[in-house]
N, C-alpha and C. Protein backbone atom coordinates (compact mmCIF):
# COMPACT_ATOMS: atom_id res chain seq x y z
N MET A 1 18.40 9.25 -6.09
CA MET A 1 17.44 9.41 -5.51
C MET A 1 16.63 8.43 -5.30
N ASP A 2 16.23 7.87 -4.23
CA ASP A 2 14.79 6.73 -3.96
C ASP A 2 13.58 7.25 -4.13
N PRO A 3 13.05 6.24 -4.94
CA PRO A 3 11.30 6.87 -5.18
C PRO A 3 10.57 7.30 -3.97
N ASN A 4 9.87 8.09 -4.05
CA ASN A 4 8.88 8.43 -2.85
C ASN A 4 7.62 7.75 -2.73
N TYR A 5 7.37 7.14 -1.70
CA TYR A 5 5.98 5.86 -1.44
C TYR A 5 5.25 6.36 -0.79
N LEU A 6 5.29 8.16 -0.07
CA LEU A 6 4.51 8.37 1.00
C LEU A 6 3.16 8.50 0.06
N GLY A 7 2.12 7.82 1.04
CA GLY A 7 0.52 7.55 0.58
C GLY A 7 0.23 6.18 -0.25
N TRP A 8 1.35 5.65 -0.71
CA TRP A 8 1.13 4.61 -1.60
C TRP A 8 0.23 3.34 -0.31
N TRP A 9 -0.30 2.37 -0.76
CA TRP A 9 -0.89 1.78 0.50
C TRP A 9 -0.87 0.02 -0.27
N TYR A 10 -1.22 -1.07 0.58
CA TYR A 10 -1.63 -2.31 0.25
C TYR A 10 -2.59 -2.59 1.35
N ALA A 11 -2.88 -3.89 0.42
CA ALA A 11 -3.90 -4.70 1.51
C ALA A 11 -3.72 -6.20 1.63
N THR A 12 -4.07 -6.36 3.28
CA THR A 12 -4.03 -7.91 3.37
C THR A 12 -5.68 -8.25 4.12
N GLY A 13 -5.59 -9.78 3.24
CA GLY A 13 -7.11 -9.87 3.83
C GLY A 13 -7.34 -11.43 2.94
N PRO A 14 -8.70 -12.10 2.51
CA PRO A 14 -8.68 -13.14 2.55
C PRO A 14 -8.43 -13.41 0.84
N ASP A 15 -8.38 -14.28 0.47
CA ASP A 15 -7.98 -14.69 -1.12
C ASP A 15 -9.17 -14.55 -1.83
N LYS A 16 -9.36 -13.39 -2.31
CA LYS A 16 -10.69 -13.07 -2.84
C LYS A 16 -10.26 -11.86 -3.68
N PRO A 17 -11.11 -11.52 -4.63
CA PRO A 17 -10.70 -9.75 -5.25
C PRO A 17 -10.99 -9.01 -4.46
N PHE A 18 -10.03 -7.97 -4.22
CA PHE A 18 -10.01 -6.69 -3.56
C PHE A 18 -11.08 -5.91 -3.47
N ALA A 19 -12.29 -5.44 -2.84
CA ALA A 19 -12.88 -4.51 -2.58
C ALA A 19 -12.59 -3.48 -1.34
N PRO A 20 -12.89 -2.28 -1.87
CA PRO A 20 -12.00 -1.47 -0.61
C PRO A 20 -13.24 -0.85 0.69
N SER A 21 -14.51 -1.68 0.00
CA SER A 21 -15.51 -1.31 1.19
C SER A 21 -15.33 -2.79 1.66
N ASP A 22 -14.99 -3.50 1.50
CA ASP A 22 -15.02 -4.88 2.10
C ASP A 22 -14.49 -5.07 3.70
N PRO A 23 -14.80 -5.02 4.39
CA PRO A 23 -14.07 -4.96 5.76
C PRO A 23 -13.08 -6.45 6.28
N ALA A 24 -13.11 -6.96 5.74
CA ALA A 24 -12.31 -8.48 5.12
C ALA A 24 -10.90 -8.10 5.41
N PHE A 25 -10.88 -6.91 4.64
CA PHE A 25 -9.31 -6.52 4.06
C PHE A 25 -9.01 -5.20 5.28
N ASN A 26 -7.64 -5.29 5.74
CA ASN A 26 -6.82 -4.49 6.45
C ASN A 26 -6.12 -3.40 5.32
N ILE A 27 -6.55 -2.23 5.69
CA ILE A 27 -5.40 -1.43 4.54
C ILE A 27 -4.60 -0.80 5.36
N HIS A 28 -3.06 -0.92 4.74
CA HIS A 28 -2.22 -0.28 5.07
C HIS A 28 -1.39 1.15 4.20
N HIS A 29 -1.47 2.07 5.06
CA HIS A 29 -0.48 2.96 4.29
C HIS A 29 0.73 3.30 4.68
N VAL A 30 1.77 4.12 3.46
CA VAL A 30 2.64 4.45 4.09
C VAL A 30 2.51 5.76 4.37
N VAL A 31 2.96 6.08 5.80
CA VAL A 31 2.88 7.72 6.38
C VAL A 31 4.20 8.29 6.52
N ALA A 32 4.83 7.60 5.82
CA ALA A 32 6.41 8.37 5.86
C ALA A 32 7.19 7.44 5.26
N ASP A 33 8.06 7.91 4.43
CA ASP A 33 9.14 7.85 3.42
C ASP A 33 9.88 7.30 3.88
N ASP A 34 10.20 7.64 5.35
CA ASP A 34 11.44 7.02 5.74
C ASP A 34 11.12 6.26 7.05
N SER A 35 12.11 6.35 7.61
CA SER A 35 12.12 4.75 8.73
C SER A 35 13.23 5.17 9.71
N ALA A 36 13.08 4.80 11.13
CA ALA A 36 14.40 4.82 11.74
C ALA A 36 15.34 3.61 11.61
N THR A 37 14.61 2.55 10.60
CA THR A 37 15.34 1.40 9.59
C THR A 37 15.85 1.81 8.38
N THR A 38 17.37 2.02 8.26
CA THR A 38 17.44 2.14 7.20
C THR A 38 17.05 1.02 5.83
N GLY A 39 16.71 1.68 4.90
CA GLY A 39 15.99 1.38 3.60
C GLY A 39 14.39 0.66 3.97
N CYS A 40 13.86 1.63 4.74
CA CYS A 40 12.66 1.52 5.11
C CYS A 40 11.69 2.64 4.80
N VAL A 41 10.27 2.11 4.84
CA VAL A 41 9.11 3.46 4.89
C VAL A 41 8.50 3.22 5.87
N THR A 42 7.63 4.07 6.76
CA THR A 42 6.87 3.56 7.79
C THR A 42 5.40 3.44 7.76
N ILE A 43 4.60 2.63 7.74
CA ILE A 43 3.70 1.90 7.56
C ILE A 43 2.63 2.20 8.64
N ARG A 44 1.20 2.72 8.66
CA ARG A 44 0.28 2.60 9.40
C ARG A 44 -0.91 1.69 9.12
N ASN A 45 -1.46 0.64 10.03
CA ASN A 45 -2.33 0.23 9.72
C ASN A 45 -3.74 0.57 9.82
N ALA A 46 -4.94 -0.34 10.10
CA ALA A 46 -6.14 0.21 10.17
C ALA A 46 -6.42 0.30 11.74
N CYS A 47 -5.67 -0.13 12.53
CA CYS A 47 -5.87 0.03 14.26
C CYS A 47 -4.90 1.00 14.39
N GLY A 48 -4.18 1.51 13.58
CA GLY A 48 -2.99 2.92 13.74
C GLY A 48 -1.46 2.40 14.30
N GLN A 49 -1.47 1.52 14.41
CA GLN A 49 -0.14 0.90 14.43
C GLN A 49 0.50 1.07 13.23
N THR A 50 1.93 1.56 14.11
CA THR A 50 3.41 1.97 12.62
C THR A 50 4.06 0.95 13.08
N PHE A 51 5.12 0.48 11.60
CA PHE A 51 6.16 -0.03 11.38
C PHE A 51 6.42 0.22 10.51
N ALA A 52 8.18 -0.49 10.30
CA ALA A 52 8.80 -0.17 9.01
C ALA A 52 8.54 -1.19 8.15
N LEU A 53 8.68 -1.06 6.81
CA LEU A 53 8.40 -2.19 5.88
C LEU A 53 9.46 -1.63 4.90
N SER A 54 10.27 -2.41 4.44
CA SER A 54 11.57 -2.84 3.35
C SER A 54 10.67 -1.47 2.10
N ARG A 55 11.36 -0.70 1.59
CA ARG A 55 11.40 -0.34 0.28
C ARG A 55 11.40 -0.78 -0.72
N ASP A 56 12.00 -2.06 -0.98
CA ASP A 56 11.89 -2.93 -2.00
C ASP A 56 10.34 -3.65 -1.94
N LEU A 57 10.16 -4.22 -0.61
CA LEU A 57 8.75 -5.04 -0.41
C LEU A 57 7.43 -3.77 -0.79
N ILE A 58 7.80 -2.72 -0.38
CA ILE A 58 6.49 -1.46 -0.89
C ILE A 58 6.58 -1.34 -2.38
N ALA A 59 7.57 -1.74 -3.07
CA ALA A 59 7.99 -1.33 -4.34
C ALA A 59 6.97 -2.53 -4.94
N LYS A 60 7.20 -3.80 -4.63
CA LYS A 60 6.51 -4.62 -5.43
C LYS A 60 5.22 -5.45 -4.74
N ILE A 61 4.56 -4.51 -3.57
CA ILE A 61 3.47 -5.40 -3.16
C ILE A 61 1.94 -3.63 -3.41
N GLY A 62 2.91 -2.63 -3.47
CA GLY A 62 1.84 -1.67 -2.98
C GLY A 62 1.83 -0.93 -4.49
N SER A 63 0.44 0.12 -3.87
CA SER A 63 0.30 0.93 -5.42
C SER A 63 0.16 2.27 -4.79
N PRO A 64 0.34 3.56 -5.93
CA PRO A 64 0.07 4.44 -5.42
C PRO A 64 -1.15 5.03 -4.73
N ALA A 65 -1.57 5.57 -4.37
CA ALA A 65 -2.50 6.63 -3.63
C ALA A 65 -3.77 6.14 -4.61
N GLY A 66 -5.39 5.99 -4.71
CA GLY A 66 -6.06 5.47 -5.41
C GLY A 66 -5.96 4.93 -6.77
N MET A 67 -4.93 3.96 -6.53
CA MET A 67 -4.24 3.54 -7.94
C MET A 67 -4.42 2.05 -7.26
N ILE A 68 -4.52 1.33 -8.25
CA ILE A 68 -4.47 -0.44 -7.95
C ILE A 68 -3.56 -0.94 -9.62
N TRP A 69 -2.99 -2.28 -8.88
CA TRP A 69 -2.15 -2.98 -10.13
C TRP A 69 -3.06 -3.90 -10.81
N ASP A 70 -3.40 -3.41 -12.14
CA ASP A 70 -4.08 -4.61 -12.86
C ASP A 70 -3.36 -5.30 -14.16
N ARG A 71 -3.35 -6.57 -13.07
CA ARG A 71 -2.42 -8.14 -14.07
C ARG A 71 -2.86 -7.76 -15.53
N SER A 72 -3.93 -7.49 -16.18
CA SER A 72 -4.26 -7.83 -17.44
C SER A 72 -3.22 -6.40 -18.15
N GLN A 73 -3.30 -5.74 -17.40
CA GLN A 73 -2.88 -4.35 -18.47
C GLN A 73 -1.73 -3.81 -18.09
N ARG A 74 -0.92 -4.52 -17.15
CA ARG A 74 0.32 -4.48 -16.29
C ARG A 74 0.76 -3.13 -16.27
N ALA A 75 -0.27 -2.56 -15.42
CA ALA A 75 -0.15 -1.09 -15.24
C ALA A 75 -1.06 -0.69 -14.38
N TYR A 76 -0.92 0.24 -13.61
CA TYR A 76 -1.60 0.87 -12.17
C TYR A 76 -2.59 1.63 -13.18
N VAL A 77 -4.10 1.09 -12.42
CA VAL A 77 -5.28 1.68 -12.98
C VAL A 77 -6.03 2.53 -11.77
N PRO A 78 -6.43 3.39 -11.77
CA PRO A 78 -7.76 4.19 -10.74
C PRO A 78 -8.37 2.82 -10.43
N LEU A 79 -8.48 3.29 -9.02
CA LEU A 79 -9.51 2.02 -8.27
C LEU A 79 -10.73 2.72 -8.03
N ALA A 80 -12.02 1.98 -8.27
CA ALA A 80 -13.06 2.46 -8.49
C ALA A 80 -13.57 2.59 -6.56
N GLY A 81 -14.17 3.54 -6.18
CA GLY A 81 -14.63 3.95 -5.11
C GLY A 81 -13.73 3.90 -4.12
N ALA A 82 -12.00 4.40 -5.01
CA ALA A 82 -11.15 4.23 -4.06
C ALA A 82 -10.73 5.50 -2.61
N SER A 83 -10.70 4.89 -1.40
CA SER A 83 -10.05 6.11 0.01
C SER A 83 -8.55 5.40 -0.16
N CYS A 84 -8.28 4.79 -0.78
CA CYS A 84 -7.00 4.11 -0.37
C CYS A 84 -5.81 5.54 -0.57
């Protein structure tokens, strides 16, 4: 069975440390764990647009709700001030 990515998120933005309150970043959320496109989830961006994204890609670039990947700990850690 495939993992459930509902609620996962990722951010796009400038090459600087991510801060949830920084308007330079666009937050994308997984809003459906499936898609009309096989092997994809459905993403919604900050403008409300939805699109398909590969399940493999969200597994590589996404984080569970309220968490963020910490490279030094090689684990998901709570995101301070997160609304993601």
